[in-house]
Amino acid sequence: MSVEIESIEHELEESIASLRQAGVRITPQRQAILRYLISSHTHPTADEIYQALSPDFPNISVATIYNNLRVFKDIGIVKELTYGDSSSRFDFNTHNHYHIICEQCGKIVDFQYPQLNEIERLAQHMTDFDVNTSSNGNLWSL
């Protein structure tokens, strides 16, 4: 088993444990949605998840996807990203991090750069503000 597959399986097991702890029933659809989110690096919309999963789950609906994403968000295992295009995107990486967003195509890419963390600490020190990356840690691109 490759390292990436092992990592996906580990994340899936941890997410399922969080769902069980919250009293949420584990269904094949929930597992498939989680697995898709964990393995996707594209910050998909509910419709994109639906398009990817519907061949294997012909009875799944977009409403089912949305309802599950809401549960995942409420439990804290996914983050909802809302930008100007009115469709929410979902990120399995709930740690504070930046996104680079293309204004032309809407593609969103996670971005980590250690010096940005230092800038945040410096800004907090110099201003006594509580710097919060999660509120809008985004960089825009054309």
C-alpha atoms as a PDB file:
ATOM      1  CA  MET A   1       0.000   0.000   0.000  1.00  0.00           C
ATOM      2  CA  SER A   2       1.406   3.392  -0.962  1.00  0.00           C
ATOM      3  CA  VAL A   3       2.062   6.113   1.587  1.00  0.00           C
ATOM      4  CA  GLU A   4      -0.658   8.302   0.038  1.00  0.00           C
ATOM      5  CA  ILE A   5      -3.278   5.534   0.257  1.00  0.00           C
ATOM      6  CA  GLU A   6      -2.252   4.810   3.858  1.00  0.00           C
ATOM      7  CA  SER A   7      -2.600   8.510   4.661  1.00  0.00           C
ATOM      8  CA  ILE A   8      -6.066   8.674   3.064  1.00  0.00           C
ATOM      9  CA  GLU A   9      -7.167   5.580   4.996  1.00  0.00           C
ATOM     10  CA  HIS A  10      -5.803   7.037   8.245  1.00  0.00           C
ATOM     11  CA  GLU A  11      -7.631  10.353   7.688  1.00  0.00           C
ATOM     12  CA  LEU A  12     -10.804   8.427   6.825  1.00  0.00           C
ATOM     13  CA  GLU A  13     -10.574   6.363  10.023  1.00  0.00           C
ATOM     14  CA  GLU A  14     -10.053   9.506  12.131  1.00  0.00           C
ATOM     15  CA  SER A  15     -12.995  11.239  10.455  1.00  0.00           C
ATOM     16  CA  ILE A  16     -15.251   8.224  10.955  1.00  0.00           C
ATOM     17  CA  ALA A  17     -14.232   8.140  14.627  1.00  0.00           C
ATOM     18  CA  SER A  18     -15.192  11.832  14.948  1.00  0.00           C
ATOM     19  CA  LEU A  19     -18.552  11.148  13.313  1.00  0.00           C
ATOM     20  CA  ARG A  20     -19.233   8.174  15.592  1.00  0.00           C
ATOM     21  CA  GLN A  21     -18.256  10.218  18.645  1.00  0.00           C
ATOM     22  CA  ALA A  22     -20.826  12.818  17.562  1.00  0.00           C
ATOM     23  CA  GLY A  23     -23.461  10.092  17.215  1.00  0.00           C
ATOM     24  CA  VAL A  24     -23.572  10.209  13.412  1.00  0.00           C
ATOM     25  CA  ARG A  25     -24.397   6.956  11.622  1.00  0.00           C
ATOM     26  CA  ILE A  26     -21.744   5.814   9.151  1.00  0.00           C
ATOM     27  CA  THR A  27     -23.203   5.084   5.714  1.00  0.00           C
ATOM     28  CA  PRO A  28     -21.465   4.052   2.491  1.00  0.00           C
ATOM     29  CA  GLN A  29     -22.381   7.454   1.006  1.00  0.00           C
ATOM     30  CA  ARG A  30     -20.814   9.320   3.946  1.00  0.00           C
ATOM     31  CA  GLN A  31     -17.662   7.271   3.627  1.00  0.00           C
ATOM     32  CA  ALA A  32     -17.504   7.924  -0.124  1.00  0.00           C
ATOM     33  CA  ILE A  33     -17.976  11.680   0.333  1.00  0.00           C
ATOM     34  CA  LEU A  34     -15.263  11.750   2.994  1.00  0.00           C
ATOM     35  CA  ARG A  35     -12.884   9.660   0.898  1.00  0.00           C
ATOM     36  CA  TYR A  36     -13.434  12.004  -2.052  1.00  0.00           C
ATOM     37  CA  LEU A  37     -12.776  15.101   0.075  1.00  0.00           C
ATOM     38  CA  ILE A  38      -9.669  13.584   1.638  1.00  0.00           C
ATOM     39  CA  SER A  39      -8.159  12.550  -1.691  1.00  0.00           C
ATOM     40  CA  SER A  40      -9.191  15.702  -3.571  1.00  0.00           C
ATOM     41  CA  HIS A  41      -6.903  18.691  -3.663  1.00  0.00           C
ATOM     42  CA  THR A  42      -9.327  20.820  -5.661  1.00  0.00           C
ATOM     43  CA  HIS A  43     -11.652  22.188  -2.956  1.00  0.00           C
ATOM     44  CA  PRO A  44     -14.726  20.743  -4.677  1.00  0.00           C
ATOM     45  CA  THR A  45     -18.285  22.060  -4.712  1.00  0.00           C
ATOM     46  CA  ALA A  46     -21.166  19.813  -3.668  1.00  0.00           C
ATOM     47  CA  ASP A  47     -22.090  19.459  -7.336  1.00  0.00           C
ATOM     48  CA  GLU A  48     -18.559  18.343  -8.247  1.00  0.00           C
ATOM     49  CA  ILE A  49     -18.697  15.728  -5.490  1.00  0.00           C
ATOM     50  CA  TYR A  50     -22.099  14.602  -6.774  1.00  0.00           C
ATOM     51  CA  GLN A  51     -20.780  14.285 -10.347  1.00  0.00           C
ATOM     52  CA  ALA A  52     -17.824  12.210  -9.138  1.00  0.00           C
ATOM     53  CA  LEU A  53     -19.839   9.870  -6.904  1.00  0.00           C
ATOM     54  CA  SER A  54     -23.120   9.422  -8.786  1.00  0.00           C
ATOM     55  CA  PRO A  55     -21.804   6.678 -11.130  1.00  0.00           C
ATOM     56  CA  ASP A  56     -21.044   4.483  -8.089  1.00  0.00           C
ATOM     57  CA  PHE A  57     -24.049   5.695  -6.060  1.00  0.00           C
ATOM     58  CA  PRO A  58     -26.929   6.148  -8.533  1.00  0.00           C
ATOM     59  CA  ASN A  59     -29.413   6.932  -5.735  1.00  0.00           C
ATOM     60  CA  ILE A  60     -27.322   9.731  -4.226  1.00  0.00           C
ATOM     61  CA  SER A  61     -28.607  13.287  -4.674  1.00  0.00           C
ATOM     62  CA  VAL A  62     -27.039  16.728  -4.492  1.00  0.00           C
ATOM     63  CA  ALA A  63     -29.181  17.315  -1.377  1.00  0.00           C
ATOM     64  CA  THR A  64     -27.591  14.254   0.252  1.00  0.00           C
ATOM     65  CA  ILE A  65     -24.155  15.659  -0.532  1.00  0.00           C
ATOM     66  CA  TYR A  66     -25.069  19.076   0.931  1.00  0.00           C
ATOM     67  CA  ASN A  67     -26.604  17.540   4.057  1.00  0.00           C
ATOM     68  CA  ASN A  68     -23.510  15.442   4.691  1.00  0.00           C
ATOM     69  CA  LEU A  69     -21.179  18.373   4.067  1.00  0.00           C
ATOM     70  CA  ARG A  70     -23.164  20.387   6.622  1.00  0.00           C
ATOM     71  CA  VAL A  71     -22.745  17.572   9.168  1.00  0.00           C
ATOM     72  CA  PHE A  72     -19.008  17.350   8.427  1.00  0.00           C
ATOM     73  CA  LYS A  73     -18.671  21.122   8.772  1.00  0.00           C
ATOM     74  CA  ASP A  74     -20.617  21.222  12.051  1.00  0.00           C
ATOM     75  CA  ILE A  75     -18.389  18.499  13.505  1.00  0.00           C
ATOM     76  CA  GLY A  76     -15.274  20.317  12.275  1.00  0.00           C
ATOM     77  CA  ILE A  77     -13.846  17.800   9.832  1.00  0.00           C
ATOM     78  CA  VAL A  78     -14.278  20.051   6.772  1.00  0.00           C
ATOM     79  CA  LYS A  79     -14.163  23.783   6.164  1.00  0.00           C
ATOM     80  CA  GLU A  80     -16.613  25.612   3.937  1.00  0.00           C
ATOM     81  CA  LEU A  81     -14.973  28.153   1.654  1.00  0.00           C
ATOM     82  CA  THR A  82     -17.207  30.887   0.294  1.00  0.00           C
ATOM     83  CA  TYR A  83     -15.942  33.249  -2.336  1.00  0.00           C
ATOM     84  CA  GLY A  84     -17.632  35.554  -4.823  1.00  0.00           C
ATOM     85  CA  ASP A  85     -18.970  32.897  -7.203  1.00  0.00           C
ATOM     86  CA  SER A  86     -21.850  31.931  -4.859  1.00  0.00           C
ATOM     87  CA  SER A  87     -20.894  28.246  -4.744  1.00  0.00           C
ATOM     88  CA  SER A  88     -19.387  26.973  -1.561  1.00  0.00           C
ATOM     89  CA  ARG A  89     -16.291  24.870  -1.858  1.00  0.00           C
ATOM     90  CA  PHE A  90     -15.158  22.405   0.760  1.00  0.00           C
ATOM     91  CA  ASP A  91     -11.685  21.824   2.174  1.00  0.00           C
ATOM     92  CA  PHE A  92     -10.723  18.763   4.190  1.00  0.00           C
ATOM     93  CA  ASN A  93      -7.670  20.632   5.497  1.00  0.00           C
ATOM     94  CA  THR A  94      -9.148  22.445   8.510  1.00  0.00           C
ATOM     95  CA  HIS A  95      -5.807  23.801   9.738  1.00  0.00           C
ATOM     96  CA  ASN A  96      -5.239  27.505   9.169  1.00  0.00           C
ATOM     97  CA  HIS A  97      -3.574  27.947   5.812  1.00  0.00           C
ATOM     98  CA  TYR A  98      -3.610  30.242   2.833  1.00  0.00           C
ATOM     99  CA  HIS A  99      -5.285  29.698  -0.508  1.00  0.00           C
ATOM    100  CA  ILE A 100      -4.212  31.036  -3.860  1.00  0.00           C
ATOM    101  CA  ILE A 101      -7.302  31.639  -5.979  1.00  0.00           C
ATOM    102  CA  CYS A 102      -7.334  32.237  -9.727  1.00  0.00           C
ATOM    103  CA  GLU A 103      -9.812  35.010 -10.516  1.00  0.00           C
ATOM    104  CA  GLN A 104     -10.260  33.736 -14.085  1.00  0.00           C
ATOM    105  CA  CYS A 105     -10.969  30.028 -13.604  1.00  0.00           C
ATOM    106  CA  GLY A 106     -11.756  29.908  -9.865  1.00  0.00           C
ATOM    107  CA  LYS A 107      -9.145  27.239  -9.104  1.00  0.00           C
ATOM    108  CA  ILE A 108      -8.112  27.197  -5.437  1.00  0.00           C
ATOM    109  CA  VAL A 109      -4.741  25.832  -4.302  1.00  0.00           C
ATOM    110  CA  ASP A 110      -3.490  25.426  -0.729  1.00  0.00           C
ATOM    111  CA  PHE A 111      -0.385  27.482  -0.033  1.00  0.00           C
ATOM    112  CA  GLN A 112       2.045  27.130   2.860  1.00  0.00           C
ATOM    113  CA  TYR A 113       5.022  29.422   3.219  1.00  0.00           C
ATOM    114  CA  PRO A 114       6.816  29.571   6.580  1.00  0.00           C
ATOM    115  CA  GLN A 115       7.678  33.272   6.256  1.00  0.00           C
ATOM    116  CA  LEU A 116       3.948  34.111   6.195  1.00  0.00           C
ATOM    117  CA  ASN A 117       3.649  32.624   9.678  1.00  0.00           C
ATOM    118  CA  GLU A 118       6.471  34.907  10.814  1.00  0.00           C
ATOM    119  CA  ILE A 119       4.711  37.930   9.275  1.00  0.00           C
ATOM    120  CA  GLU A 120       1.540  36.997  11.176  1.00  0.00           C
ATOM    121  CA  ARG A 121       3.480  36.751  14.462  1.00  0.00           C
ATOM    122  CA  LEU A 122       5.224  40.066  13.781  1.00  0.00           C
ATOM    123  CA  ALA A 123       1.926  41.796  12.922  1.00  0.00           C
ATOM    124  CA  GLN A 124       0.385  40.467  16.119  1.00  0.00           C
ATOM    125  CA  HIS A 125       3.366  41.605  18.183  1.00  0.00           C
ATOM    126  CA  MET A 126       3.483  45.093  16.649  1.00  0.00           C
ATOM    127  CA  THR A 127      -0.264  45.765  16.762  1.00  0.00           C
ATOM    128  CA  ASP A 128      -1.490  43.677  19.702  1.00  0.00           C
ATOM    129  CA  PHE A 129      -4.165  42.407  17.305  1.00  0.00           C
ATOM    130  CA  ASP A 130      -5.131  38.756  17.338  1.00  0.00           C
ATOM    131  CA  VAL A 131      -4.129  37.829  13.782  1.00  0.00           C
ATOM    132  CA  ASN A 132      -6.496  35.213  12.392  1.00  0.00           C
ATOM    133  CA  THR A 133      -5.493  33.472   9.173  1.00  0.00           C
ATOM    134  CA  SER A 134      -8.763  31.568   8.991  1.00  0.00           C
ATOM    135  CA  SER A 135     -10.871  34.674   8.411  1.00  0.00           C
ATOM    136  CA  ASN A 136      -9.453  35.336   4.949  1.00  0.00           C
ATOM    137  CA  GLY A 137      -6.049  33.837   4.321  1.00  0.00           C
ATOM    138  CA  ASN A 138      -6.301  34.192   0.574  1.00  0.00           C
ATOM    139  CA  LEU A 139      -4.050  35.358  -2.210  1.00  0.00           C
ATOM    140  CA  TRP A 140      -5.671  36.189  -5.545  1.00  0.00           C
ATOM    141  CA  SER A 141      -4.165  35.571  -8.972  1.00  0.00           C
ATOM    142  CA  LEU A 142      -5.076  36.406 -12.563  1.00  0.00           C
END
